[in-house]
Amino acid sequence: MGRFDTDRHALREDGTRIGEGREPGLHWGEVIQEIRREVGDVYASGIPGEPRWLRAQGGFLFEYAIELMAGGYPLNPAMEVAFKRYMLQARGGILKQVKLVRDGIHMTPDGVWVEEKTLESYKKTGQTMKKASDVQAFTTNFYHWILQEGGYLGALLEEGYDIEKVHWYVLWDRGDYKWNCDSKCPDGCSMDNHAQQVRIYEARFTRQELDEIWARGLRMKMKMENREQLDAAPV
């Protein structure tokens, strides 16, 4: 597990980097921040441990999400799509939106980093980061992510791609829900673990695991097709 450098990859809604083209000198936003600090606003300096530009990045994601919501998307799916779009802009050199079909099932993984033999997935969640505190927790709480990427990986291998691992880039938009613990933190507690952040998780699959995932998917496909046939049958 690692961190994704959101400061180095901070982008506006249009894909340009935050700070690029910014006029030199004092800006109104800086004035407002100082006023907030002067009146004792505890949120004026951000949440301890939170990357500098991540909160602003969230604002730009929301700008794009609003466009999707105007087209009928609910808020959370719109924000997840906006985060995927941001990651695809930030991750240069990645094959994006690869179209795959296997056994009549269409798939579009987020990104493929051919040089590093890596399948990439971009997720945003309001769940606590503690649900991915170790391998067992991640496997239990995010099994659907594992099934999804396992299906993609198996299809990529069938297409001749040389892929060895999966990386999930996860935006934990509430950290581990303890960012305001302050002095209540136990000894050794790091505020870096509590703030909103993007973490990277890695998994490798055996051929047997991929086959089992695909077999499970095919069983569900058959159930769905049978259900459709029953629904379409004349009464």
Protein backbone atom coordinates (compact mmCIF):
# COMPACT_ATOMS: atom_id res chain seq x y z
CA MET A 1 0.00 0.00 0.00
CA GLY A 2 1.28 3.47 -0.83
CA ARG A 3 0.25 7.07 -1.32
CA PHE A 4 -0.61 8.85 -4.55
CA ASP A 5 1.02 12.29 -4.80
CA THR A 6 -2.08 14.46 -5.29
CA ASP A 7 -0.04 17.66 -4.93
CA ARG A 8 2.14 16.78 -7.93
CA HIS A 9 -0.92 15.78 -9.95
CA ALA A 10 -3.31 18.55 -8.87
CA LEU A 11 -5.54 19.40 -11.85
CA ARG A 12 -8.36 21.84 -12.54
CA GLU A 13 -11.64 20.64 -14.06
CA ASP A 14 -10.30 21.38 -17.57
CA GLY A 15 -7.20 19.22 -17.00
CA THR A 16 -4.68 22.05 -16.48
CA ARG A 17 -2.54 21.97 -13.34
CA ILE A 18 -3.67 23.89 -10.29
CA GLY A 19 -1.43 26.95 -10.00
CA GLU A 20 -0.59 27.15 -13.70
CA GLY A 21 -1.35 30.59 -15.13
CA ARG A 22 -1.98 32.02 -11.67
CA GLU A 23 -1.21 35.73 -11.53
CA PRO A 24 1.64 36.66 -9.14
CA GLY A 25 0.73 38.63 -6.04
CA LEU A 26 -1.91 38.43 -3.33
CA HIS A 27 -5.14 36.59 -4.13
CA TRP A 28 -8.53 37.06 -2.51
CA GLY A 29 -8.67 33.44 -1.39
CA GLU A 30 -5.50 34.00 0.65
CA VAL A 31 -7.08 37.04 2.30
CA ILE A 32 -10.13 35.01 3.27
CA GLN A 33 -7.93 32.26 4.71
CA GLU A 34 -6.13 34.77 6.92
CA ILE A 35 -9.43 36.19 8.14
CA ARG A 36 -10.53 32.70 9.08
CA ARG A 37 -7.31 32.09 11.00
CA GLU A 38 -7.66 35.43 12.79
CA VAL A 39 -11.13 34.59 14.07
CA GLY A 40 -9.96 31.18 15.24
CA ASP A 41 -11.56 29.04 12.54
CA VAL A 42 -10.09 25.60 13.25
CA TYR A 43 -10.61 24.52 9.64
CA ALA A 44 -8.78 27.48 8.10
CA SER A 45 -5.47 25.67 7.74
CA GLY A 46 -7.01 22.43 6.53
CA ILE A 47 -7.10 19.05 8.19
CA PRO A 48 -3.78 17.86 9.68
CA GLY A 49 -2.11 15.35 7.36
CA GLU A 50 -4.28 16.19 4.36
CA PRO A 51 -2.35 16.81 1.10
CA ARG A 52 -2.21 20.51 0.24
CA TRP A 53 -4.25 20.48 -2.97
CA LEU A 54 -6.59 17.55 -2.30
CA ARG A 55 -9.47 19.64 -0.95
CA ALA A 56 -9.25 22.01 -3.93
CA GLN A 57 -9.09 19.00 -6.20
CA GLY A 58 -12.33 17.80 -4.69
CA GLY A 59 -13.93 21.11 -5.66
CA PHE A 60 -12.89 20.68 -9.27
CA LEU A 61 -14.18 17.11 -9.25
CA PHE A 62 -17.50 18.42 -8.00
CA GLU A 63 -17.64 20.93 -10.85
CA TYR A 64 -17.59 18.07 -13.34
CA ALA A 65 -19.93 15.98 -11.19
CA ILE A 66 -22.53 18.77 -11.35
CA GLU A 67 -22.53 18.46 -15.14
CA LEU A 68 -23.20 14.73 -14.81
CA MET A 69 -25.90 15.32 -12.19
CA ALA A 70 -27.64 17.71 -14.59
CA GLY A 71 -27.82 14.75 -16.96
CA GLY A 72 -29.44 12.53 -14.34
CA TYR A 73 -26.52 11.02 -12.39
CA PRO A 74 -26.94 10.71 -8.58
CA LEU A 75 -24.25 12.51 -6.55
CA ASN A 76 -22.04 9.59 -5.48
CA PRO A 77 -21.80 7.92 -8.92
CA ALA A 78 -21.16 11.35 -10.46
CA MET A 79 -18.28 11.99 -8.05
CA GLU A 80 -16.80 8.55 -8.76
CA VAL A 81 -16.92 9.16 -12.52
CA ALA A 82 -15.30 12.57 -11.94
CA PHE A 83 -12.49 10.93 -9.94
CA LYS A 84 -11.89 8.34 -12.67
CA ARG A 85 -11.69 11.16 -15.22
CA TYR A 86 -9.17 13.01 -13.06
CA MET A 87 -6.99 9.91 -12.63
CA LEU A 88 -6.96 9.24 -16.36
CA GLN A 89 -5.81 12.84 -16.92
CA ALA A 90 -3.15 12.61 -14.21
CA ARG A 91 -1.78 9.20 -15.19
CA GLY A 92 0.16 9.84 -18.38
CA GLY A 93 1.19 6.86 -20.49
CA ILE A 94 -1.79 4.73 -19.47
CA LEU A 95 -3.97 2.93 -22.01
CA LYS A 96 -7.41 4.31 -21.25
CA GLN A 97 -10.85 2.78 -21.67
CA VAL A 98 -9.66 -0.44 -23.32
CA LYS A 99 -12.66 -2.23 -24.86
CA LEU A 100 -12.87 -5.96 -24.12
CA VAL A 101 -15.43 -8.68 -24.84
CA ARG A 102 -15.23 -12.14 -23.32
CA ASP A 103 -17.96 -14.78 -23.56
CA GLY A 104 -20.41 -12.11 -24.68
CA ILE A 105 -19.66 -9.85 -21.70
CA HIS A 106 -18.41 -6.34 -22.47
CA MET A 107 -15.76 -4.80 -20.22
CA THR A 108 -13.99 -1.45 -20.02
CA PRO A 109 -11.22 -1.33 -17.38
CA ASP A 110 -10.15 2.12 -16.20
CA GLY A 111 -6.53 1.93 -17.34
CA VAL A 112 -3.71 -0.41 -18.37
CA TRP A 113 -0.06 0.50 -17.72
CA VAL A 114 1.57 -1.77 -20.27
CA GLU A 115 5.19 -0.91 -19.37
CA GLU A 116 4.62 -1.82 -15.71
CA LYS A 117 2.35 -4.78 -16.53
CA THR A 118 -0.33 -3.26 -14.32
CA LEU A 119 -4.11 -2.98 -14.49
CA GLU A 120 -5.30 0.22 -12.79
CA SER A 121 -8.62 0.91 -11.10
CA TYR A 122 -9.77 4.29 -9.72
CA LYS A 123 -12.24 4.28 -6.83
CA LYS A 124 -13.80 6.91 -4.59
CA THR A 125 -15.56 5.95 -1.38
CA GLY A 126 -17.05 7.58 1.70
CA GLN A 127 -16.30 4.45 3.76
CA THR A 128 -13.64 4.51 6.43
CA MET A 129 -10.09 3.69 5.39
CA LYS A 130 -9.99 1.24 8.31
CA LYS A 131 -12.00 -1.15 6.15
CA ALA A 132 -8.82 -1.66 4.09
CA SER A 133 -6.40 -1.78 7.02
CA ASP A 134 -4.99 -5.17 5.97
CA VAL A 135 -5.42 -7.82 3.26
CA GLN A 136 -8.25 -9.62 5.08
CA ALA A 137 -10.16 -6.39 5.67
CA PHE A 138 -9.75 -5.27 2.05
CA THR A 139 -10.80 -8.69 0.74
CA THR A 140 -13.88 -8.82 2.97
CA ASN A 141 -15.13 -5.27 2.53
CA PHE A 142 -14.23 -4.68 -1.10
CA TYR A 143 -14.70 -8.16 -2.57
CA HIS A 144 -16.68 -6.62 -5.45
CA TRP A 145 -13.62 -4.58 -6.46
CA ILE A 146 -11.59 -7.79 -6.49
CA LEU A 147 -14.19 -9.58 -8.62
CA GLN A 148 -14.37 -6.64 -11.02
CA GLU A 149 -10.64 -6.29 -11.60
CA GLY A 150 -10.13 -10.06 -11.60
CA GLY A 151 -12.59 -10.27 -14.49
CA TYR A 152 -10.80 -7.48 -16.34
CA LEU A 153 -7.41 -9.06 -15.74
CA GLY A 154 -8.51 -12.45 -17.01
CA ALA A 155 -9.94 -10.86 -20.16
CA LEU A 156 -6.74 -8.87 -20.75
CA LEU A 157 -4.66 -12.04 -20.48
CA GLU A 158 -6.98 -13.76 -22.96
CA GLU A 159 -6.36 -10.84 -25.35
CA GLY A 160 -2.60 -11.33 -25.06
CA TYR A 161 -1.76 -8.49 -22.66
CA ASP A 162 1.15 -9.23 -20.31
CA ILE A 163 -0.34 -8.03 -17.03
CA GLU A 164 0.92 -9.21 -13.65
CA LYS A 165 -0.88 -7.12 -11.03
CA VAL A 166 -3.72 -4.76 -10.16
CA HIS A 167 -3.38 -1.34 -8.55
CA TRP A 168 -6.39 0.32 -6.94
CA TYR A 169 -6.10 4.09 -6.50
CA VAL A 170 -8.68 4.82 -3.79
CA LEU A 171 -9.85 8.28 -2.77
CA TRP A 172 -10.92 8.00 0.87
CA ASP A 173 -12.90 11.21 1.08
CA ARG A 174 -13.32 10.93 4.86
CA GLY A 175 -10.00 9.28 5.73
CA ASP A 176 -10.54 6.97 8.70
CA TYR A 177 -13.14 9.28 10.32
CA LYS A 178 -10.68 10.30 13.07
CA TRP A 179 -9.14 13.45 11.60
CA ASN A 180 -10.42 15.54 14.55
CA CYS A 181 -9.03 13.31 17.31
CA ASP A 182 -6.32 15.88 18.31
CA SER A 183 -4.98 15.15 21.79
CA LYS A 184 -7.12 12.04 22.11
CA CYS A 185 -4.88 10.20 19.67
CA PRO A 186 -2.99 7.34 21.34
CA ASP A 187 0.80 7.43 21.46
CA GLY A 188 2.24 6.83 18.02
CA CYS A 189 -0.96 7.86 16.27
CA SER A 190 -0.23 9.69 13.01
CA MET A 191 -2.60 12.39 11.80
CA ASP A 192 -1.46 11.46 8.28
CA ASN A 193 -3.71 8.42 8.53
CA HIS A 194 -6.82 10.41 9.40
CA ALA A 195 -7.15 13.00 6.63
CA GLN A 196 -8.79 12.71 3.22
CA GLN A 197 -6.27 11.07 0.91
CA VAL A 198 -5.57 8.77 -2.01
CA ARG A 199 -3.98 5.41 -1.24
CA ILE A 200 -2.68 2.74 -3.63
CA TYR A 201 -3.39 -0.96 -3.06
CA GLU A 202 -1.87 -3.85 -4.98
CA ALA A 203 -3.03 -7.40 -5.68
CA ARG A 204 -1.72 -10.32 -7.72
CA PHE A 205 -3.95 -13.18 -8.84
CA THR A 206 -3.18 -16.81 -9.57
CA ARG A 207 -4.58 -18.37 -12.73
CA GLN A 208 -6.89 -20.48 -10.57
CA GLU A 209 -8.26 -17.40 -8.80
CA LEU A 210 -8.95 -15.69 -12.13
CA ASP A 211 -10.68 -18.81 -13.46
CA GLU A 212 -12.86 -19.02 -10.34
CA ILE A 213 -13.84 -15.35 -10.64
CA TRP A 214 -14.78 -15.79 -14.28
CA ALA A 215 -16.73 -18.97 -13.59
CA ARG A 216 -18.71 -17.12 -10.94
CA GLY A 217 -19.41 -14.35 -13.42
CA LEU A 218 -20.58 -16.82 -16.07
CA ARG A 219 -22.94 -18.48 -13.59
CA MET A 220 -24.48 -15.10 -12.85
CA LYS A 221 -24.69 -14.33 -16.58
CA MET A 222 -26.65 -17.56 -17.08
CA LYS A 223 -29.04 -16.68 -14.24
CA MET A 224 -29.62 -13.23 -15.73
CA GLU A 225 -30.29 -14.67 -19.19
CA ASN A 226 -32.71 -17.25 -17.76
CA ARG A 227 -34.50 -14.51 -15.85
CA GLU A 228 -34.83 -12.44 -19.02
CA GLN A 229 -36.26 -15.43 -20.88
CA LEU A 230 -38.83 -16.02 -18.15
CA ASP A 231 -39.80 -12.36 -18.11
CA ALA A 232 -40.20 -12.39 -21.90
CA ALA A 233 -42.26 -15.61 -22.02
CA PRO A 234 -45.96 -15.16 -22.84
CA VAL A 235 -48.29 -15.55 -19.88
